Amino acid sequence: MKPAFAGTRGTVAIPFGCRVVSVLPREHRRVVNGSFGDRFVEGIYLHADSQTPTIRMFDLASKTELSVKDFKSYPDEFFF
């Protein structure tokens, strides 16, 4: 496990490889139909960014690495 947001009030421990879901704002370039389109990405937790209060995750749909701040982790669920 690597701590996310080490040294901040919101320090949490998220295990590498666990499932992460992040909500996207309507204005995000990945949201096709602002009000009714999918407004989330699902992926795998990689690590916490040491410079900003964000995490890096691997987006399963686009197969790219993203930096997100608003997320929900599921430490008991892993992708293999």
PDB file of N, CA and C in Angstrom:
ATOM      1  N   MET A   1       0.837  -1.182   0.000  1.00  0.00           N
ATOM      2  CA  MET A   1       0.000   0.000   0.000  1.00  0.00           C
ATOM      3  C   MET A   1       0.874   1.233   0.000  1.00  0.00           C
ATOM      4  N   LYS A   2       0.424   2.230  -0.714  1.00  0.00           N
ATOM      5  CA  LYS A   2       1.121   3.499  -0.734  1.00  0.00           C
ATOM      6  C   LYS A   2       0.130   4.572  -0.307  1.00  0.00           C
ATOM      7  N   PRO A   3       0.475   5.427   0.655  1.00  0.00           N
ATOM      8  CA  PRO A   3      -0.497   6.413   1.114  1.00  0.00           C
ATOM      9  C   PRO A   3      -0.822   7.429   0.031  1.00  0.00           C
ATOM     10  N   ALA A   4      -2.108   7.734  -0.109  1.00  0.00           N
ATOM     11  CA  ALA A   4      -2.529   8.797  -1.016  1.00  0.00           C
ATOM     12  C   ALA A   4      -2.615  10.072  -0.210  1.00  0.00           C
ATOM     13  N   PHE A   5      -2.098  11.137  -0.720  1.00  0.00           N
ATOM     14  CA  PHE A   5      -2.131  12.452  -0.068  1.00  0.00           C
ATOM     15  C   PHE A   5      -1.373  12.443   1.251  1.00  0.00           C
ATOM     16  N   ALA A   6      -0.206  11.849   1.286  1.00  0.00           N
ATOM     17  CA  ALA A   6       0.590  11.794   2.512  1.00  0.00           C
ATOM     18  C   ALA A   6       0.875  13.202   3.018  1.00  0.00           C
ATOM     19  N   GLY A   7       0.742  13.373   4.306  1.00  0.00           N
ATOM     20  CA  GLY A   7       1.024  14.664   4.920  1.00  0.00           C
ATOM     21  C   GLY A   7      -0.140  15.624   4.900  1.00  0.00           C
ATOM     22  N   THR A   8      -1.286  15.203   4.415  1.00  0.00           N
ATOM     23  CA  THR A   8      -2.460  16.073   4.407  1.00  0.00           C
ATOM     24  C   THR A   8      -3.520  15.516   5.341  1.00  0.00           C
ATOM     25  N   ARG A   9      -4.531  16.306   5.579  1.00  0.00           N
ATOM     26  CA  ARG A   9      -5.626  15.935   6.469  1.00  0.00           C
ATOM     27  C   ARG A   9      -6.367  14.711   5.951  1.00  0.00           C
ATOM     28  N   GLY A  10      -6.447  14.547   4.639  1.00  0.00           N
ATOM     29  CA  GLY A  10      -7.204  13.443   4.053  1.00  0.00           C
ATOM     30  C   GLY A  10      -6.367  12.225   3.720  1.00  0.00           C
ATOM     31  N   THR A  11      -5.337  11.940   4.504  1.00  0.00           N
ATOM     32  CA  THR A  11      -4.476  10.803   4.214  1.00  0.00           C
ATOM     33  C   THR A  11      -5.256   9.496   4.272  1.00  0.00           C
ATOM     34  N   VAL A  12      -5.133   8.724   3.218  1.00  0.00           N
ATOM     35  CA  VAL A  12      -5.772   7.417   3.132  1.00  0.00           C
ATOM     36  C   VAL A  12      -4.770   6.424   2.563  1.00  0.00           C
ATOM     37  N   ALA A  13      -5.012   5.165   2.778  1.00  0.00           N
ATOM     38  CA  ALA A  13      -4.155   4.126   2.204  1.00  0.00           C
ATOM     39  C   ALA A  13      -4.978   3.362   1.175  1.00  0.00           C
ATOM     40  N   ILE A  14      -4.505   3.356  -0.052  1.00  0.00           N
ATOM     41  CA  ILE A  14      -5.187   2.665  -1.140  1.00  0.00           C
ATOM     42  C   ILE A  14      -4.219   1.640  -1.703  1.00  0.00           C
ATOM     43  N   PRO A  15      -4.610   0.365  -1.765  1.00  0.00           N
ATOM     44  CA  PRO A  15      -3.701  -0.640  -2.317  1.00  0.00           C
ATOM     45  C   PRO A  15      -3.565  -0.517  -3.837  1.00  0.00           C
ATOM     46  N   PHE A  16      -2.350  -0.704  -4.326  1.00  0.00           N
ATOM     47  CA  PHE A  16      -2.086  -0.670  -5.768  1.00  0.00           C
ATOM     48  C   PHE A  16      -2.942  -1.716  -6.465  1.00  0.00           C
ATOM     49  N   GLY A  17      -3.572  -1.326  -7.564  1.00  0.00           N
ATOM     50  CA  GLY A  17      -4.337  -2.253  -8.377  1.00  0.00           C
ATOM     51  C   GLY A  17      -5.798  -2.375  -8.009  1.00  0.00           C
ATOM     52  N   CYS A  18      -6.239  -1.634  -6.987  1.00  0.00           N
ATOM     53  CA  CYS A  18      -7.652  -1.760  -6.622  1.00  0.00           C
ATOM     54  C   CYS A  18      -8.523  -0.925  -7.565  1.00  0.00           C
ATOM     55  N   ARG A  19      -9.801  -1.235  -7.562  1.00  0.00           N
ATOM     56  CA  ARG A  19     -10.777  -0.562  -8.428  1.00  0.00           C
ATOM     57  C   ARG A  19     -11.014   0.868  -7.925  1.00  0.00           C
ATOM     58  N   VAL A  20     -11.031   1.814  -8.866  1.00  0.00           N
ATOM     59  CA  VAL A  20     -11.278   3.219  -8.575  1.00  0.00           C
ATOM     60  C   VAL A  20     -12.298   3.737  -9.581  1.00  0.00           C
ATOM     61  N   VAL A  21     -13.280   4.490  -9.084  1.00  0.00           N
ATOM     62  CA  VAL A  21     -14.267   5.129  -9.956  1.00  0.00           C
ATOM     63  C   VAL A  21     -14.187   6.625  -9.699  1.00  0.00           C
ATOM     64  N   SER A  22     -14.081   7.398 -10.763  1.00  0.00           N
ATOM     65  CA  SER A  22     -13.983   8.847 -10.647  1.00  0.00           C
ATOM     66  C   SER A  22     -15.128   9.511 -11.404  1.00  0.00           C
ATOM     67  N   VAL A  23     -15.729  10.511 -10.778  1.00  0.00           N
ATOM     68  CA  VAL A  23     -16.804  11.278 -11.409  1.00  0.00           C
ATOM     69  C   VAL A  23     -16.180  12.395 -12.237  1.00  0.00           C
ATOM     70  N   LEU A  24     -16.722  12.606 -13.436  1.00  0.00           N
ATOM     71  CA  LEU A  24     -16.233  13.666 -14.317  1.00  0.00           C
ATOM     72  C   LEU A  24     -17.231  14.829 -14.339  1.00  0.00           C
ATOM     73  N   PRO A  25     -16.746  16.060 -14.393  1.00  0.00           N
ATOM     74  CA  PRO A  25     -17.662  17.195 -14.538  1.00  0.00           C
ATOM     75  C   PRO A  25     -18.292  17.208 -15.931  1.00  0.00           C
ATOM     76  N   ARG A  26     -19.429  17.843 -16.073  1.00  0.00           N
ATOM     77  CA  ARG A  26     -20.127  17.905 -17.373  1.00  0.00           C
ATOM     78  C   ARG A  26     -19.265  18.505 -18.468  1.00  0.00           C
ATOM     79  N   GLU A  27     -18.370  19.402 -18.084  1.00  0.00           N
ATOM     80  CA  GLU A  27     -17.544  20.108 -19.074  1.00  0.00           C
ATOM     81  C   GLU A  27     -16.338  19.304 -19.533  1.00  0.00           C
ATOM     82  N   HIS A  28     -16.096  18.160 -18.930  1.00  0.00           N
ATOM     83  CA  HIS A  28     -14.911  17.368 -19.271  1.00  0.00           C
ATOM     84  C   HIS A  28     -14.984  16.898 -20.722  1.00  0.00           C
ATOM     85  N   ARG A  29     -13.844  16.852 -21.387  1.00  0.00           N
ATOM     86  CA  ARG A  29     -13.800  16.494 -22.815  1.00  0.00           C
ATOM     87  C   ARG A  29     -14.252  15.068 -23.082  1.00  0.00           C
ATOM     88  N   ARG A  30     -14.199  14.198 -22.088  1.00  0.00           N
ATOM     89  CA  ARG A  30     -14.628  12.814 -22.279  1.00  0.00           C
ATOM     90  C   ARG A  30     -16.141  12.629 -22.155  1.00  0.00           C
ATOM     91  N   VAL A  31     -16.840  13.627 -21.619  1.00  0.00           N
ATOM     92  CA  VAL A  31     -18.299  13.532 -21.469  1.00  0.00           C
ATOM     93  C   VAL A  31     -18.929  13.926 -22.794  1.00  0.00           C
ATOM     94  N   VAL A  32     -19.632  12.981 -23.437  1.00  0.00           N
ATOM     95  CA  VAL A  32     -20.189  13.204 -24.770  1.00  0.00           C
ATOM     96  C   VAL A  32     -21.457  14.041 -24.711  1.00  0.00           C
ATOM     97  N   ASN A  33     -22.383  13.680 -23.875  1.00  0.00           N
ATOM     98  CA  ASN A  33     -23.641  14.403 -23.745  1.00  0.00           C
ATOM     99  C   ASN A  33     -23.724  14.898 -22.308  1.00  0.00           C
ATOM    100  N   GLY A  34     -23.397  16.178 -22.084  1.00  0.00           N
ATOM    101  CA  GLY A  34     -23.228  16.750 -20.755  1.00  0.00           C
ATOM    102  C   GLY A  34     -24.215  16.349 -19.683  1.00  0.00           C
ATOM    103  N   SER A  35     -25.496  16.325 -19.995  1.00  0.00           N
ATOM    104  CA  SER A  35     -26.488  16.019 -18.969  1.00  0.00           C
ATOM    105  C   SER A  35     -26.786  14.536 -18.856  1.00  0.00           C
ATOM    106  N   PHE A  36     -26.730  13.818 -19.968  1.00  0.00           N
ATOM    107  CA  PHE A  36     -27.196  12.442 -19.962  1.00  0.00           C
ATOM    108  C   PHE A  36     -26.117  11.411 -20.287  1.00  0.00           C
ATOM    109  N   GLY A  37     -24.937  11.858 -20.663  1.00  0.00           N
ATOM    110  CA  GLY A  37     -23.875  10.919 -21.007  1.00  0.00           C
ATOM    111  C   GLY A  37     -23.209  10.337 -19.772  1.00  0.00           C
ATOM    112  N   ASP A  38     -22.356   9.343 -19.984  1.00  0.00           N
ATOM    113  CA  ASP A  38     -21.588   8.770 -18.882  1.00  0.00           C
ATOM    114  C   ASP A  38     -20.685   9.846 -18.303  1.00  0.00           C
ATOM    115  N   ARG A  39     -20.756  10.014 -16.996  1.00  0.00           N
ATOM    116  CA  ARG A  39     -19.948  11.035 -16.343  1.00  0.00           C
ATOM    117  C   ARG A  39     -19.006  10.417 -15.332  1.00  0.00           C
ATOM    118  N   PHE A  40     -18.465   9.263 -15.656  1.00  0.00           N
ATOM    119  CA  PHE A  40     -17.522   8.620 -14.756  1.00  0.00           C
ATOM    120  C   PHE A  40     -16.514   7.817 -15.571  1.00  0.00           C
ATOM    121  N   VAL A  41     -15.387   7.537 -14.940  1.00  0.00           N
ATOM    122  CA  VAL A  41     -14.406   6.620 -15.502  1.00  0.00           C
ATOM    123  C   VAL A  41     -14.108   5.570 -14.442  1.00  0.00           C
ATOM    124  N   GLU A  42     -13.900   4.359 -14.895  1.00  0.00           N
ATOM    125  CA  GLU A  42     -13.583   3.262 -13.998  1.00  0.00           C
ATOM    126  C   GLU A  42     -12.200   2.769 -14.343  1.00  0.00           C
ATOM    127  N   GLY A  43     -11.401   2.538 -13.312  1.00  0.00           N
ATOM    128  CA  GLY A  43     -10.052   2.106 -13.610  1.00  0.00           C
ATOM    129  C   GLY A  43      -9.348   1.476 -12.432  1.00  0.00           C
ATOM    130  N   ILE A  44      -8.030   1.484 -12.523  1.00  0.00           N
ATOM    131  CA  ILE A  44      -7.161   0.832 -11.553  1.00  0.00           C
ATOM    132  C   ILE A  44      -6.270   1.887 -10.899  1.00  0.00           C
ATOM    133  N   TYR A  45      -6.201   1.859  -9.572  1.00  0.00           N
ATOM    134  CA  TYR A  45      -5.348   2.788  -8.827  1.00  0.00           C
ATOM    135  C   TYR A  45      -3.884   2.473  -9.083  1.00  0.00           C
ATOM    136  N   LEU A  46      -3.119   3.499  -9.447  1.00  0.00           N
ATOM    137  CA  LEU A  46      -1.689   3.326  -9.677  1.00  0.00           C
ATOM    138  C   LEU A  46      -0.869   3.888  -8.524  1.00  0.00           C
ATOM    139  N   HIS A  47      -1.009   5.187  -8.259  1.00  0.00           N
ATOM    140  CA  HIS A  47      -0.273   5.812  -7.159  1.00  0.00           C
ATOM    141  C   HIS A  47      -0.819   7.207  -6.905  1.00  0.00           C
ATOM    142  N   ALA A  48      -0.427   7.777  -5.767  1.00  0.00           N
ATOM    143  CA  ALA A  48      -0.806   9.148  -5.431  1.00  0.00           C
ATOM    144  C   ALA A  48       0.231  10.099  -6.024  1.00  0.00           C
ATOM    145  N   ASP A  49      -0.229  11.236  -6.495  1.00  0.00           N
ATOM    146  CA  ASP A  49       0.676  12.254  -7.010  1.00  0.00           C
ATOM    147  C   ASP A  49       1.299  12.976  -5.820  1.00  0.00           C
ATOM    148  N   SER A  50       2.604  13.069  -5.775  1.00  0.00           N
ATOM    149  CA  SER A  50       3.270  13.681  -4.626  1.00  0.00           C
ATOM    150  C   SER A  50       3.212  15.205  -4.641  1.00  0.00           C
ATOM    151  N   GLN A  51       2.907  15.801  -5.783  1.00  0.00           N
ATOM    152  CA  GLN A  51       2.899  17.257  -5.892  1.00  0.00           C
ATOM    153  C   GLN A  51       1.510  17.876  -5.742  1.00  0.00           C
ATOM    154  N   THR A  52       0.470  17.125  -6.042  1.00  0.00           N
ATOM    155  CA  THR A  52      -0.897  17.653  -5.997  1.00  0.00           C
ATOM    156  C   THR A  52      -1.805  16.668  -5.262  1.00  0.00           C
ATOM    157  N   PRO A  53      -2.982  17.107  -4.798  1.00  0.00           N
ATOM    158  CA  PRO A  53      -3.894  16.181  -4.104  1.00  0.00           C
ATOM    159  C   PRO A  53      -4.721  15.347  -5.089  1.00  0.00           C
ATOM    160  N   THR A  54      -4.037  14.660  -5.974  1.00  0.00           N
ATOM    161  CA  THR A  54      -4.703  13.805  -6.960  1.00  0.00           C
ATOM    162  C   THR A  54      -4.077  12.416  -6.929  1.00  0.00           C
ATOM    163  N   ILE A  55      -4.747  11.488  -7.586  1.00  0.00           N
ATOM    164  CA  ILE A  55      -4.183  10.155  -7.756  1.00  0.00           C
ATOM    165  C   ILE A  55      -4.039   9.876  -9.237  1.00  0.00           C
ATOM    166  N   ARG A  56      -3.204   8.937  -9.570  1.00  0.00           N
ATOM    167  CA  ARG A  56      -3.063   8.478 -10.952  1.00  0.00           C
ATOM    168  C   ARG A  56      -3.808   7.160 -11.059  1.00  0.00           C
ATOM    169  N   MET A  57      -4.616   7.029 -12.093  1.00  0.00           N
ATOM    170  CA  MET A  57      -5.361   5.793 -12.322  1.00  0.00           C
ATOM    171  C   MET A  57      -5.262   5.406 -13.776  1.00  0.00           C
ATOM    172  N   PHE A  58      -5.396   4.120 -14.044  1.00  0.00           N
ATOM    173  CA  PHE A  58      -5.408   3.602 -15.406  1.00  0.00           C
ATOM    174  C   PHE A  58      -6.857   3.434 -15.815  1.00  0.00           C
ATOM    175  N   ASP A  59      -7.290   4.192 -16.831  1.00  0.00           N
ATOM    176  CA  ASP A  59      -8.663   4.130 -17.328  1.00  0.00           C
ATOM    177  C   ASP A  59      -8.813   2.892 -18.200  1.00  0.00           C
ATOM    178  N   LEU A  60      -9.725   2.005 -17.819  1.00  0.00           N
ATOM    179  CA  LEU A  60      -9.904   0.748 -18.541  1.00  0.00           C
ATOM    180  C   LEU A  60     -10.499   0.942 -19.932  1.00  0.00           C
ATOM    181  N   ALA A  61     -11.403   1.924 -20.087  1.00  0.00           N
ATOM    182  CA  ALA A  61     -12.070   2.123 -21.371  1.00  0.00           C
ATOM    183  C   ALA A  61     -11.122   2.664 -22.434  1.00  0.00           C
ATOM    184  N   SER A  62     -10.366   3.711 -22.095  1.00  0.00           N
ATOM    185  CA  SER A  62      -9.490   4.335 -23.091  1.00  0.00           C
ATOM    186  C   SER A  62      -8.059   3.823 -23.043  1.00  0.00           C
ATOM    187  N   LYS A  63      -7.755   3.002 -22.031  1.00  0.00           N
ATOM    188  CA  LYS A  63      -6.413   2.438 -21.857  1.00  0.00           C
ATOM    189  C   LYS A  63      -5.353   3.532 -21.756  1.00  0.00           C
ATOM    190  N   THR A  64      -5.678   4.565 -20.956  1.00  0.00           N
ATOM    191  CA  THR A  64      -4.745   5.655 -20.716  1.00  0.00           C
ATOM    192  C   THR A  64      -4.635   5.913 -19.217  1.00  0.00           C
ATOM    193  N   GLU A  65      -3.586   6.620 -18.841  1.00  0.00           N
ATOM    194  CA  GLU A  65      -3.389   7.000 -17.445  1.00  0.00           C
ATOM    195  C   GLU A  65      -3.983   8.384 -17.222  1.00  0.00           C
ATOM    196  N   LEU A  66      -4.766   8.529 -16.147  1.00  0.00           N
ATOM    197  CA  LEU A  66      -5.416   9.790 -15.832  1.00  0.00           C
ATOM    198  C   LEU A  66      -5.022  10.269 -14.448  1.00  0.00           C
ATOM    199  N   SER A  67      -5.089  11.573 -14.253  1.00  0.00           N
ATOM    200  CA  SER A  67      -4.920  12.172 -12.940  1.00  0.00           C
ATOM    201  C   SER A  67      -6.289  12.663 -12.501  1.00  0.00           C
ATOM    202  N   VAL A  68      -6.797  12.154 -11.367  1.00  0.00           N
ATOM    203  CA  VAL A  68      -8.133  12.523 -10.898  1.00  0.00           C
ATOM    204  C   VAL A  68      -8.086  12.933  -9.435  1.00  0.00           C
ATOM    205  N   LYS A  69      -9.045  13.775  -9.056  1.00  0.00           N
ATOM    206  CA  LYS A  69      -9.101  14.239  -7.681  1.00  0.00           C
ATOM    207  C   LYS A  69     -10.364  13.766  -6.978  1.00  0.00           C
ATOM    208  N   ASP A  70     -11.467  13.664  -7.690  1.00  0.00           N
ATOM    209  CA  ASP A  70     -12.740  13.229  -7.124  1.00  0.00           C
ATOM    210  C   ASP A  70     -12.926  11.755  -7.462  1.00  0.00           C
ATOM    211  N   PHE A  71     -12.735  10.873  -6.481  1.00  0.00           N
ATOM    212  CA  PHE A  71     -12.775   9.447  -6.767  1.00  0.00           C
ATOM    213  C   PHE A  71     -13.320   8.670  -5.577  1.00  0.00           C
ATOM    214  N   LYS A  72     -13.688   7.440  -5.840  1.00  0.00           N
ATOM    215  CA  LYS A  72     -14.108   6.488  -4.805  1.00  0.00           C
ATOM    216  C   LYS A  72     -13.294   5.226  -5.035  1.00  0.00           C
ATOM    217  N   SER A  73     -12.624   4.774  -3.989  1.00  0.00           N
ATOM    218  CA  SER A  73     -11.819   3.558  -4.131  1.00  0.00           C
ATOM    219  C   SER A  73     -12.539   2.381  -3.490  1.00  0.00           C
ATOM    220  N   TYR A  74     -12.262   1.218  -4.018  1.00  0.00           N
ATOM    221  CA  TYR A  74     -12.832  -0.034  -3.523  1.00  0.00           C
ATOM    222  C   TYR A  74     -11.670  -0.960  -3.187  1.00  0.00           C
ATOM    223  N   PRO A  75     -11.086  -0.822  -1.992  1.00  0.00           N
ATOM    224  CA  PRO A  75      -9.873  -1.577  -1.662  1.00  0.00           C
ATOM    225  C   PRO A  75     -10.048  -3.087  -1.620  1.00  0.00           C
ATOM    226  N   ASP A  76     -11.279  -3.569  -1.545  1.00  0.00           N
ATOM    227  CA  ASP A  76     -11.500  -5.017  -1.522  1.00  0.00           C
ATOM    228  C   ASP A  76     -11.703  -5.608  -2.916  1.00  0.00           C
ATOM    229  N   GLU A  77     -11.751  -4.746  -3.944  1.00  0.00           N
ATOM    230  CA  GLU A  77     -11.971  -5.201  -5.322  1.00  0.00           C
ATOM    231  C   GLU A  77     -10.725  -4.915  -6.149  1.00  0.00           C
ATOM    232  N   PHE A  78     -10.193  -5.950  -6.765  1.00  0.00           N
ATOM    233  CA  PHE A  78      -8.989  -5.817  -7.587  1.00  0.00           C
ATOM    234  C   PHE A  78      -9.269  -6.336  -8.991  1.00  0.00           C
ATOM    235  N   PHE A  79      -8.577  -5.731  -9.975  1.00  0.00           N
ATOM    236  CA  PHE A  79      -8.630  -6.206 -11.362  1.00  0.00           C
ATOM    237  C   PHE A  79      -7.381  -7.043 -11.594  1.00  0.00           C
ATOM    238  N   PHE A  80      -7.555  -8.194 -12.154  1.00  0.00           N
ATOM    239  CA  PHE A  80      -6.405  -9.058 -12.410  1.00  0.00           C
ATOM    240  C   PHE A  80      -6.174  -9.206 -13.875  1.00  0.00           C
TER     241      PHE A  80
END
